[in-house]
Amino acid sequence: MPMFVVYVLFSKKFNKIYIGFTSKLISRFKSHNEIGSGWTKKFRPWSVEYLEFFDSKKEAMLREKQLKSSRLNKTL
C-alpha cells in the first residue's frame, strides 16, 4: 500500500508557496522543478519546506485542502 505525502514547496526567488499531495514525492518534486509546464514552472526553483505522511489518499487530500484553505498557508 503506498504512503501519501502532503508537501509544501517554497520559491525563495519569488516568495511563493505551493501545497500539494502525492504518493511519489521524488518524481513529483522533480516535475515541479524540471519537467512540469503548469503554475509551478513560473516560480522555479522550489525547495521542500514541509512534509506530512498519511496512510490513505483520503487523509492526504483532506489535509491538503485544510492547508490550502487555511490562513496558515499565507505564513508558511
Protein backbone atom coordinates (compact mmCIF):
# COMPACT_ATOMS: atom_id res chain seq x y z
CA MET A 1 0.00 0.00 0.00
CA PRO A 2 1.50 3.38 -0.99
CA MET A 3 2.12 6.11 1.55
CA PHE A 4 0.83 9.58 0.70
CA VAL A 5 2.63 12.83 1.40
CA VAL A 6 1.29 16.35 1.75
CA TYR A 7 4.07 18.75 0.89
CA VAL A 8 4.74 22.47 0.96
CA LEU A 9 7.17 23.91 -1.57
CA PHE A 10 8.72 27.36 -1.33
CA SER A 11 10.15 29.55 -4.07
CA LYS A 12 12.63 31.88 -2.38
CA LYS A 13 13.20 33.80 -5.60
CA PHE A 14 9.50 34.72 -5.89
CA ASN A 15 8.39 34.32 -2.23
CA LYS A 16 5.66 31.86 -3.26
CA ILE A 17 4.39 28.65 -1.68
CA TYR A 18 2.75 25.63 -3.28
CA ILE A 19 0.82 22.93 -1.41
CA GLY A 20 0.16 19.51 -2.92
CA PHE A 21 -0.02 15.79 -2.22
CA THR A 22 1.40 12.71 -3.89
CA SER A 23 2.38 9.09 -3.41
CA LYS A 24 5.60 9.64 -5.39
CA LEU A 25 7.38 12.55 -3.75
CA ILE A 26 10.70 12.42 -5.58
CA SER A 27 9.21 12.30 -9.07
CA ARG A 28 6.62 14.94 -8.18
CA PHE A 29 9.27 17.29 -6.81
CA LYS A 30 11.32 16.76 -9.97
CA SER A 31 8.30 17.58 -12.12
CA HIS A 32 7.79 20.87 -10.25
CA ASN A 33 11.44 21.85 -10.71
CA GLU A 34 12.34 20.42 -14.12
CA ILE A 35 9.54 18.88 -16.17
CA GLY A 36 6.16 20.45 -15.47
CA SER A 37 4.52 23.18 -17.50
CA GLY A 38 1.86 24.36 -15.06
CA TRP A 39 1.71 27.15 -12.50
CA THR A 40 4.81 25.99 -10.62
CA LYS A 41 7.03 26.31 -13.71
CA LYS A 42 6.87 30.12 -13.47
CA PHE A 43 8.33 30.20 -9.96
CA ARG A 44 11.29 27.79 -10.11
CA PRO A 45 13.38 26.78 -8.27
CA TRP A 46 11.34 25.18 -5.48
CA SER A 47 12.54 23.75 -2.17
CA VAL A 48 10.65 21.37 0.10
CA GLU A 49 9.74 23.20 3.30
CA TYR A 50 7.30 20.84 4.99
CA LEU A 51 6.09 17.23 4.74
CA GLU A 52 3.29 15.21 6.38
CA PHE A 53 2.82 11.49 5.76
CA PHE A 54 -0.52 9.65 5.59
CA ASP A 55 -1.62 6.05 5.14
CA SER A 56 -4.54 6.92 2.87
CA LYS A 57 -5.16 9.16 -0.11
CA LYS A 58 -8.33 10.43 1.53
CA GLU A 59 -6.46 11.65 4.61
CA ALA A 60 -3.82 13.35 2.47
CA MET A 61 -6.44 15.06 0.32
CA LEU A 62 -8.27 16.34 3.38
CA ARG A 63 -5.06 17.73 4.90
CA GLU A 64 -4.05 19.35 1.60
CA LYS A 65 -7.45 21.03 1.40
CA GLN A 66 -7.17 22.15 5.03
CA LEU A 67 -3.76 23.73 4.44
CA LYS A 68 -4.85 25.40 1.21
CA SER A 69 -7.95 26.89 2.79
CA SER A 70 -6.20 27.93 5.98
CA ARG A 71 -4.74 31.31 6.67
CA LEU A 72 -1.70 29.29 7.75
CA ASN A 73 -0.65 28.87 4.14
CA LYS A 74 -0.03 32.61 3.98
CA THR A 75 2.62 32.33 6.70
CA LEU A 76 4.39 29.05 5.88
